[in-house]
Amino acid sequence: MNHLTLLVGTLTLATSSPAAGQAPANDRVAAILEHAQARLEQQNDIWFEDGEFPKIIQSLRIQFEMRPDDYEVATNLGWMQTNVEDEPAAIQTYTTYLKRNPQDSDAALPLAQLHYMKKRYAPVPALLEPAIARAKVPHANAFRILAHSYERTGQLEKSRATWLRFLKVSPDDGPAKVNLKRVEGKIAKK
């Protein structure tokens, strides 16, 4: 029996319903889950050093099912899937995270970033415009990826507007100022 099988069995027992008349031991379950998560992360590090990427992916899948709202687990899983060139699985992971966590204003960022890195700019606005609109303080990379995507699809006015919105949130961002100036230069040449 390997460590992962033993861990899953332990977690199943720890999280199962208490016996009749017995109060749930939430503190005990939380402690077990915390230790299990730490052990999985430690094992993933060992597997990473050994190049055992399929094992890491399987471990992360289990963690993702145990903690569907954990941004770090979802992004680690998607990154590993991309790492082994299984882009459809990464897209599915990021899409699942986004659907499960609509309250997370950063939930769309991993999927948008994947499309952006693959030079598929058209899907990015539909992912990031709503994310920016609902976030109290949107992630800086959401603005950057969105503005660059607009620029690369020839939507210069929207790119400019995105840089201006970003500079309202982060007025001292030097690269944003440089990017805005470049986009405004392109608009002026039209």
C-alpha atoms as a PDB file:
ATOM      1  CA  MET A   1       0.000   0.000   0.000  1.00  0.00           C
ATOM      2  CA  ASN A   2       1.505   3.356  -0.987  1.00  0.00           C
ATOM      3  CA  HIS A   3       1.445   6.543   1.057  1.00  0.00           C
ATOM      4  CA  LEU A   4      -1.238   8.170  -1.083  1.00  0.00           C
ATOM      5  CA  THR A   5      -3.660   5.258  -0.684  1.00  0.00           C
ATOM      6  CA  LEU A   6      -3.096   5.257   3.059  1.00  0.00           C
ATOM      7  CA  LEU A   7      -3.645   9.007   3.199  1.00  0.00           C
ATOM      8  CA  VAL A   8      -6.908   8.838   1.249  1.00  0.00           C
ATOM      9  CA  GLY A   9      -8.140   6.052   3.527  1.00  0.00           C
ATOM     10  CA  THR A  10      -7.267   8.049   6.626  1.00  0.00           C
ATOM     11  CA  LEU A  11      -9.013  11.128   5.253  1.00  0.00           C
ATOM     12  CA  THR A  12     -12.107   9.100   4.440  1.00  0.00           C
ATOM     13  CA  LEU A  13     -12.289   7.771   7.982  1.00  0.00           C
ATOM     14  CA  ALA A  14     -11.565  11.177   9.496  1.00  0.00           C
ATOM     15  CA  THR A  15     -14.253  12.943   7.523  1.00  0.00           C
ATOM     16  CA  SER A  16     -16.957  10.278   7.740  1.00  0.00           C
ATOM     17  CA  SER A  17     -20.057  10.862   9.823  1.00  0.00           C
ATOM     18  CA  PRO A  18     -19.703  10.382  13.574  1.00  0.00           C
ATOM     19  CA  ALA A  19     -21.394   7.462  15.295  1.00  0.00           C
ATOM     20  CA  ALA A  20     -24.991   7.982  16.411  1.00  0.00           C
ATOM     21  CA  GLY A  21     -25.184  10.326  19.386  1.00  0.00           C
ATOM     22  CA  GLN A  22     -21.563  11.404  19.015  1.00  0.00           C
ATOM     23  CA  ALA A  23     -20.678  15.036  18.280  1.00  0.00           C
ATOM     24  CA  PRO A  24     -18.404  15.663  15.283  1.00  0.00           C
ATOM     25  CA  ALA A  25     -14.789  16.257  16.155  1.00  0.00           C
ATOM     26  CA  ASN A  26     -14.249  19.263  13.902  1.00  0.00           C
ATOM     27  CA  ASP A  27     -10.966  20.247  15.513  1.00  0.00           C
ATOM     28  CA  ARG A  28      -9.615  16.729  15.092  1.00  0.00           C
ATOM     29  CA  VAL A  29     -10.720  16.555  11.452  1.00  0.00           C
ATOM     30  CA  ALA A  30      -9.218  19.975  10.745  1.00  0.00           C
ATOM     31  CA  ALA A  31      -5.917  18.918  12.297  1.00  0.00           C
ATOM     32  CA  ILE A  32      -5.849  15.676  10.303  1.00  0.00           C
ATOM     33  CA  LEU A  33      -6.613  17.509   7.068  1.00  0.00           C
ATOM     34  CA  GLU A  34      -3.951  20.120   7.788  1.00  0.00           C
ATOM     35  CA  HIS A  35      -1.322  17.435   8.404  1.00  0.00           C
ATOM     36  CA  ALA A  36      -2.455  15.467   5.370  1.00  0.00           C
ATOM     37  CA  GLN A  37      -2.147  18.563   3.193  1.00  0.00           C
ATOM     38  CA  ALA A  38       1.341  19.260   4.525  1.00  0.00           C
ATOM     39  CA  ARG A  39       2.354  15.669   3.824  1.00  0.00           C
ATOM     40  CA  LEU A  40       0.971  15.795   0.283  1.00  0.00           C
ATOM     41  CA  GLU A  41       2.883  19.008  -0.393  1.00  0.00           C
ATOM     42  CA  GLN A  42       6.071  17.444   0.979  1.00  0.00           C
ATOM     43  CA  GLN A  43       5.587  14.338  -1.185  1.00  0.00           C
ATOM     44  CA  ASN A  44       4.870  16.480  -4.249  1.00  0.00           C
ATOM     45  CA  ASP A  45       8.191  18.263  -3.722  1.00  0.00           C
ATOM     46  CA  ILE A  46       9.993  14.910  -3.629  1.00  0.00           C
ATOM     47  CA  TRP A  47       8.201  13.713  -6.769  1.00  0.00           C
ATOM     48  CA  PHE A  48       8.974  16.989  -8.516  1.00  0.00           C
ATOM     49  CA  GLU A  49      12.687  16.560  -7.805  1.00  0.00           C
ATOM     50  CA  ASP A  50      12.435  13.012  -9.196  1.00  0.00           C
ATOM     51  CA  GLY A  51      10.521  14.135 -12.295  1.00  0.00           C
ATOM     52  CA  GLU A  52       7.448  12.108 -11.319  1.00  0.00           C
ATOM     53  CA  PHE A  53       4.985  14.594 -12.784  1.00  0.00           C
ATOM     54  CA  PRO A  54       2.075  12.150 -13.315  1.00  0.00           C
ATOM     55  CA  LYS A  55       2.178  11.299  -9.601  1.00  0.00           C
ATOM     56  CA  ILE A  56       2.104  14.984  -8.690  1.00  0.00           C
ATOM     57  CA  ILE A  57      -0.841  15.558 -11.013  1.00  0.00           C
ATOM     58  CA  GLN A  58      -2.767  12.709  -9.414  1.00  0.00           C
ATOM     59  CA  SER A  59      -1.974  14.008  -5.944  1.00  0.00           C
ATOM     60  CA  LEU A  60      -3.082  17.509  -6.935  1.00  0.00           C
ATOM     61  CA  ARG A  61      -6.312  16.117  -8.392  1.00  0.00           C
ATOM     62  CA  ILE A  62      -7.090  14.556  -5.034  1.00  0.00           C
ATOM     63  CA  GLN A  63      -6.244  17.806  -3.252  1.00  0.00           C
ATOM     64  CA  PHE A  64      -8.414  19.753  -5.709  1.00  0.00           C
ATOM     65  CA  GLU A  65     -11.382  17.516  -4.927  1.00  0.00           C
ATOM     66  CA  MET A  66     -10.733  17.856  -1.187  1.00  0.00           C
ATOM     67  CA  ARG A  67     -10.297  21.635  -1.408  1.00  0.00           C
ATOM     68  CA  PRO A  68     -12.192  22.902  -4.462  1.00  0.00           C
ATOM     69  CA  ASP A  69     -11.859  26.515  -3.339  1.00  0.00           C
ATOM     70  CA  ASP A  70      -8.061  26.466  -2.947  1.00  0.00           C
ATOM     71  CA  TYR A  71      -6.602  28.777  -5.600  1.00  0.00           C
ATOM     72  CA  GLU A  72      -3.062  27.514  -5.049  1.00  0.00           C
ATOM     73  CA  VAL A  73      -4.023  23.860  -5.499  1.00  0.00           C
ATOM     74  CA  ALA A  74      -6.007  24.654  -8.665  1.00  0.00           C
ATOM     75  CA  THR A  75      -3.225  26.723 -10.198  1.00  0.00           C
ATOM     76  CA  ASN A  76      -0.560  24.163  -9.247  1.00  0.00           C
ATOM     77  CA  LEU A  77      -2.620  21.425 -10.891  1.00  0.00           C
ATOM     78  CA  GLY A  78      -3.219  23.474 -14.037  1.00  0.00           C
ATOM     79  CA  TRP A  79       0.450  24.428 -14.235  1.00  0.00           C
ATOM     80  CA  MET A  80       1.554  20.799 -13.897  1.00  0.00           C
ATOM     81  CA  GLN A  81      -0.928  19.724 -16.573  1.00  0.00           C
ATOM     82  CA  THR A  82       0.464  22.389 -18.883  1.00  0.00           C
ATOM     83  CA  ASN A  83       3.967  21.276 -17.918  1.00  0.00           C
ATOM     84  CA  VAL A  84       3.270  17.781 -19.310  1.00  0.00           C
ATOM     85  CA  GLU A  85       1.625  19.344 -22.374  1.00  0.00           C
ATOM     86  CA  ASP A  86      -1.915  18.388 -21.411  1.00  0.00           C
ATOM     87  CA  GLU A  87      -3.436  21.761 -22.160  1.00  0.00           C
ATOM     88  CA  PRO A  88      -7.034  20.452 -22.417  1.00  0.00           C
ATOM     89  CA  ALA A  89      -6.765  19.131 -18.844  1.00  0.00           C
ATOM     90  CA  ALA A  90      -5.358  22.474 -17.658  1.00  0.00           C
ATOM     91  CA  ILE A  91      -8.216  24.331 -19.340  1.00  0.00           C
ATOM     92  CA  GLN A  92     -10.677  21.965 -17.652  1.00  0.00           C
ATOM     93  CA  THR A  93      -9.031  22.502 -14.257  1.00  0.00           C
ATOM     94  CA  TYR A  94      -9.093  26.288 -14.574  1.00  0.00           C
ATOM     95  CA  THR A  95     -12.666  26.263 -15.898  1.00  0.00           C
ATOM     96  CA  THR A  96     -13.788  24.023 -13.034  1.00  0.00           C
ATOM     97  CA  TYR A  97     -12.147  26.317 -10.496  1.00  0.00           C
ATOM     98  CA  LEU A  98     -13.828  29.343 -12.078  1.00  0.00           C
ATOM     99  CA  LYS A  99     -17.259  27.673 -12.017  1.00  0.00           C
ATOM    100  CA  ARG A 100     -16.859  26.457  -8.436  1.00  0.00           C
ATOM    101  CA  ASN A 101     -15.603  29.802  -7.124  1.00  0.00           C
ATOM    102  CA  PRO A 102     -17.534  32.646  -8.756  1.00  0.00           C
ATOM    103  CA  GLN A 103     -16.994  34.780  -5.639  1.00  0.00           C
ATOM    104  CA  ASP A 104     -13.197  34.705  -6.149  1.00  0.00           C
ATOM    105  CA  SER A 105     -12.361  37.780  -8.211  1.00  0.00           C
ATOM    106  CA  ASP A 106      -9.096  36.122  -9.315  1.00  0.00           C
ATOM    107  CA  ALA A 107     -10.748  32.861 -10.422  1.00  0.00           C
ATOM    108  CA  ALA A 108     -10.656  33.785 -14.120  1.00  0.00           C
ATOM    109  CA  LEU A 109      -7.023  34.858 -14.087  1.00  0.00           C
ATOM    110  CA  PRO A 110      -5.367  31.418 -14.585  1.00  0.00           C
ATOM    111  CA  LEU A 111      -7.538  30.574 -17.608  1.00  0.00           C
ATOM    112  CA  ALA A 112      -7.095  34.050 -19.097  1.00  0.00           C
ATOM    113  CA  GLN A 113      -3.352  33.826 -18.530  1.00  0.00           C
ATOM    114  CA  LEU A 114      -3.173  30.437 -20.280  1.00  0.00           C
ATOM    115  CA  HIS A 115      -5.016  31.808 -23.323  1.00  0.00           C
ATOM    116  CA  TYR A 116      -2.795  34.882 -23.320  1.00  0.00           C
ATOM    117  CA  MET A 117       0.413  32.840 -23.116  1.00  0.00           C
ATOM    118  CA  LYS A 118      -0.799  30.712 -26.045  1.00  0.00           C
ATOM    119  CA  LYS A 119      -1.500  33.926 -28.007  1.00  0.00           C
ATOM    120  CA  ARG A 120      -5.242  33.330 -28.015  1.00  0.00           C
ATOM    121  CA  TYR A 121      -6.290  36.845 -27.098  1.00  0.00           C
ATOM    122  CA  ALA A 122      -9.966  36.769 -28.146  1.00  0.00           C
ATOM    123  CA  PRO A 123     -11.277  34.814 -25.080  1.00  0.00           C
ATOM    124  CA  VAL A 124      -9.450  37.034 -22.579  1.00  0.00           C
ATOM    125  CA  PRO A 125     -11.872  39.999 -22.373  1.00  0.00           C
ATOM    126  CA  ALA A 126     -14.888  37.791 -21.638  1.00  0.00           C
ATOM    127  CA  LEU A 127     -12.953  36.281 -18.737  1.00  0.00           C
ATOM    128  CA  LEU A 128     -11.306  39.373 -17.274  1.00  0.00           C
ATOM    129  CA  GLU A 129     -13.791  42.219 -17.803  1.00  0.00           C
ATOM    130  CA  PRO A 130     -16.304  40.688 -15.332  1.00  0.00           C
ATOM    131  CA  ALA A 131     -13.498  39.772 -12.923  1.00  0.00           C
ATOM    132  CA  ILE A 132     -12.198  43.336 -12.865  1.00  0.00           C
ATOM    133  CA  ALA A 133     -15.707  44.760 -12.536  1.00  0.00           C
ATOM    134  CA  ARG A 134     -16.598  42.689  -9.454  1.00  0.00           C
ATOM    135  CA  ALA A 135     -13.266  42.867  -7.620  1.00  0.00           C
ATOM    136  CA  LYS A 136     -12.791  45.395  -4.847  1.00  0.00           C
ATOM    137  CA  VAL A 137      -9.132  45.617  -5.811  1.00  0.00           C
ATOM    138  CA  PRO A 138      -8.543  43.747  -9.071  1.00  0.00           C
ATOM    139  CA  HIS A 139      -5.306  41.848  -9.550  1.00  0.00           C
ATOM    140  CA  ALA A 140      -2.769  43.978 -11.424  1.00  0.00           C
ATOM    141  CA  ASN A 141      -2.102  41.161 -13.889  1.00  0.00           C
ATOM    142  CA  ALA A 142      -5.780  41.054 -14.806  1.00  0.00           C
ATOM    143  CA  PHE A 143      -5.483  44.639 -16.056  1.00  0.00           C
ATOM    144  CA  ARG A 144      -2.177  43.975 -17.798  1.00  0.00           C
ATOM    145  CA  ILE A 145      -3.324  40.825 -19.602  1.00  0.00           C
ATOM    146  CA  LEU A 146      -6.606  42.448 -20.599  1.00  0.00           C
ATOM    147  CA  ALA A 147      -5.002  45.645 -21.897  1.00  0.00           C
ATOM    148  CA  HIS A 148      -2.360  43.741 -23.880  1.00  0.00           C
ATOM    149  CA  SER A 149      -5.028  41.398 -25.295  1.00  0.00           C
ATOM    150  CA  TYR A 150      -7.081  44.352 -26.487  1.00  0.00           C
ATOM    151  CA  GLU A 151      -3.991  45.866 -28.078  1.00  0.00           C
ATOM    152  CA  ARG A 152      -3.031  42.635 -29.817  1.00  0.00           C
ATOM    153  CA  THR A 153      -6.518  42.260 -31.257  1.00  0.00           C
ATOM    154  CA  GLY A 154      -6.456  45.834 -32.569  1.00  0.00           C
ATOM    155  CA  GLN A 155      -8.891  47.222 -29.990  1.00  0.00           C
ATOM    156  CA  LEU A 156      -6.670  50.146 -29.109  1.00  0.00           C
ATOM    157  CA  GLU A 157      -9.338  52.335 -27.490  1.00  0.00           C
ATOM    158  CA  LYS A 158     -10.285  49.484 -25.134  1.00  0.00           C
ATOM    159  CA  SER A 159      -6.615  48.890 -24.382  1.00  0.00           C
ATOM    160  CA  ARG A 160      -6.191  52.567 -23.561  1.00  0.00           C
ATOM    161  CA  ALA A 161      -9.290  52.558 -21.341  1.00  0.00           C
ATOM    162  CA  THR A 162      -7.994  49.483 -19.489  1.00  0.00           C
ATOM    163  CA  TRP A 163      -4.609  51.095 -18.830  1.00  0.00           C
ATOM    164  CA  LEU A 164      -6.382  54.220 -17.556  1.00  0.00           C
ATOM    165  CA  ARG A 165      -8.569  52.134 -15.201  1.00  0.00           C
ATOM    166  CA  PHE A 166      -5.456  50.347 -13.943  1.00  0.00           C
ATOM    167  CA  LEU A 167      -3.648  53.621 -13.313  1.00  0.00           C
ATOM    168  CA  LYS A 168      -6.578  54.820 -11.187  1.00  0.00           C
ATOM    169  CA  VAL A 169      -5.996  51.777  -8.951  1.00  0.00           C
ATOM    170  CA  SER A 170      -2.200  51.898  -9.157  1.00  0.00           C
ATOM    171  CA  PRO A 171      -1.141  55.428 -10.165  1.00  0.00           C
ATOM    172  CA  ASP A 172       2.582  54.836  -9.625  1.00  0.00           C
ATOM    173  CA  ASP A 173       2.892  51.789 -11.919  1.00  0.00           C
ATOM    174  CA  GLY A 174       5.694  52.789 -14.285  1.00  0.00           C
ATOM    175  CA  PRO A 175       5.250  50.001 -16.851  1.00  0.00           C
ATOM    176  CA  ALA A 176       1.519  50.791 -17.095  1.00  0.00           C
ATOM    177  CA  LYS A 177       2.360  54.422 -17.881  1.00  0.00           C
ATOM    178  CA  VAL A 178       4.809  53.317 -20.597  1.00  0.00           C
ATOM    179  CA  ASN A 179       2.253  50.911 -22.068  1.00  0.00           C
ATOM    180  CA  LEU A 180      -0.459  53.579 -22.037  1.00  0.00           C
ATOM    181  CA  LYS A 181       1.841  56.002 -23.847  1.00  0.00           C
ATOM    182  CA  ARG A 182       2.656  53.376 -26.495  1.00  0.00           C
ATOM    183  CA  VAL A 183      -1.046  52.603 -27.075  1.00  0.00           C
ATOM    184  CA  GLU A 184      -1.901  56.296 -27.256  1.00  0.00           C
ATOM    185  CA  GLY A 185       0.871  56.688 -29.841  1.00  0.00           C
ATOM    186  CA  LYS A 186      -0.679  53.929 -31.941  1.00  0.00           C
ATOM    187  CA  ILE A 187      -4.097  55.574 -31.658  1.00  0.00           C
ATOM    188  CA  ALA A 188      -2.644  58.940 -32.718  1.00  0.00           C
ATOM    189  CA  LYS A 189      -1.120  57.342 -35.853  1.00  0.00           C
ATOM    190  CA  LYS A 190      -4.509  56.032 -37.032  1.00  0.00           C
END
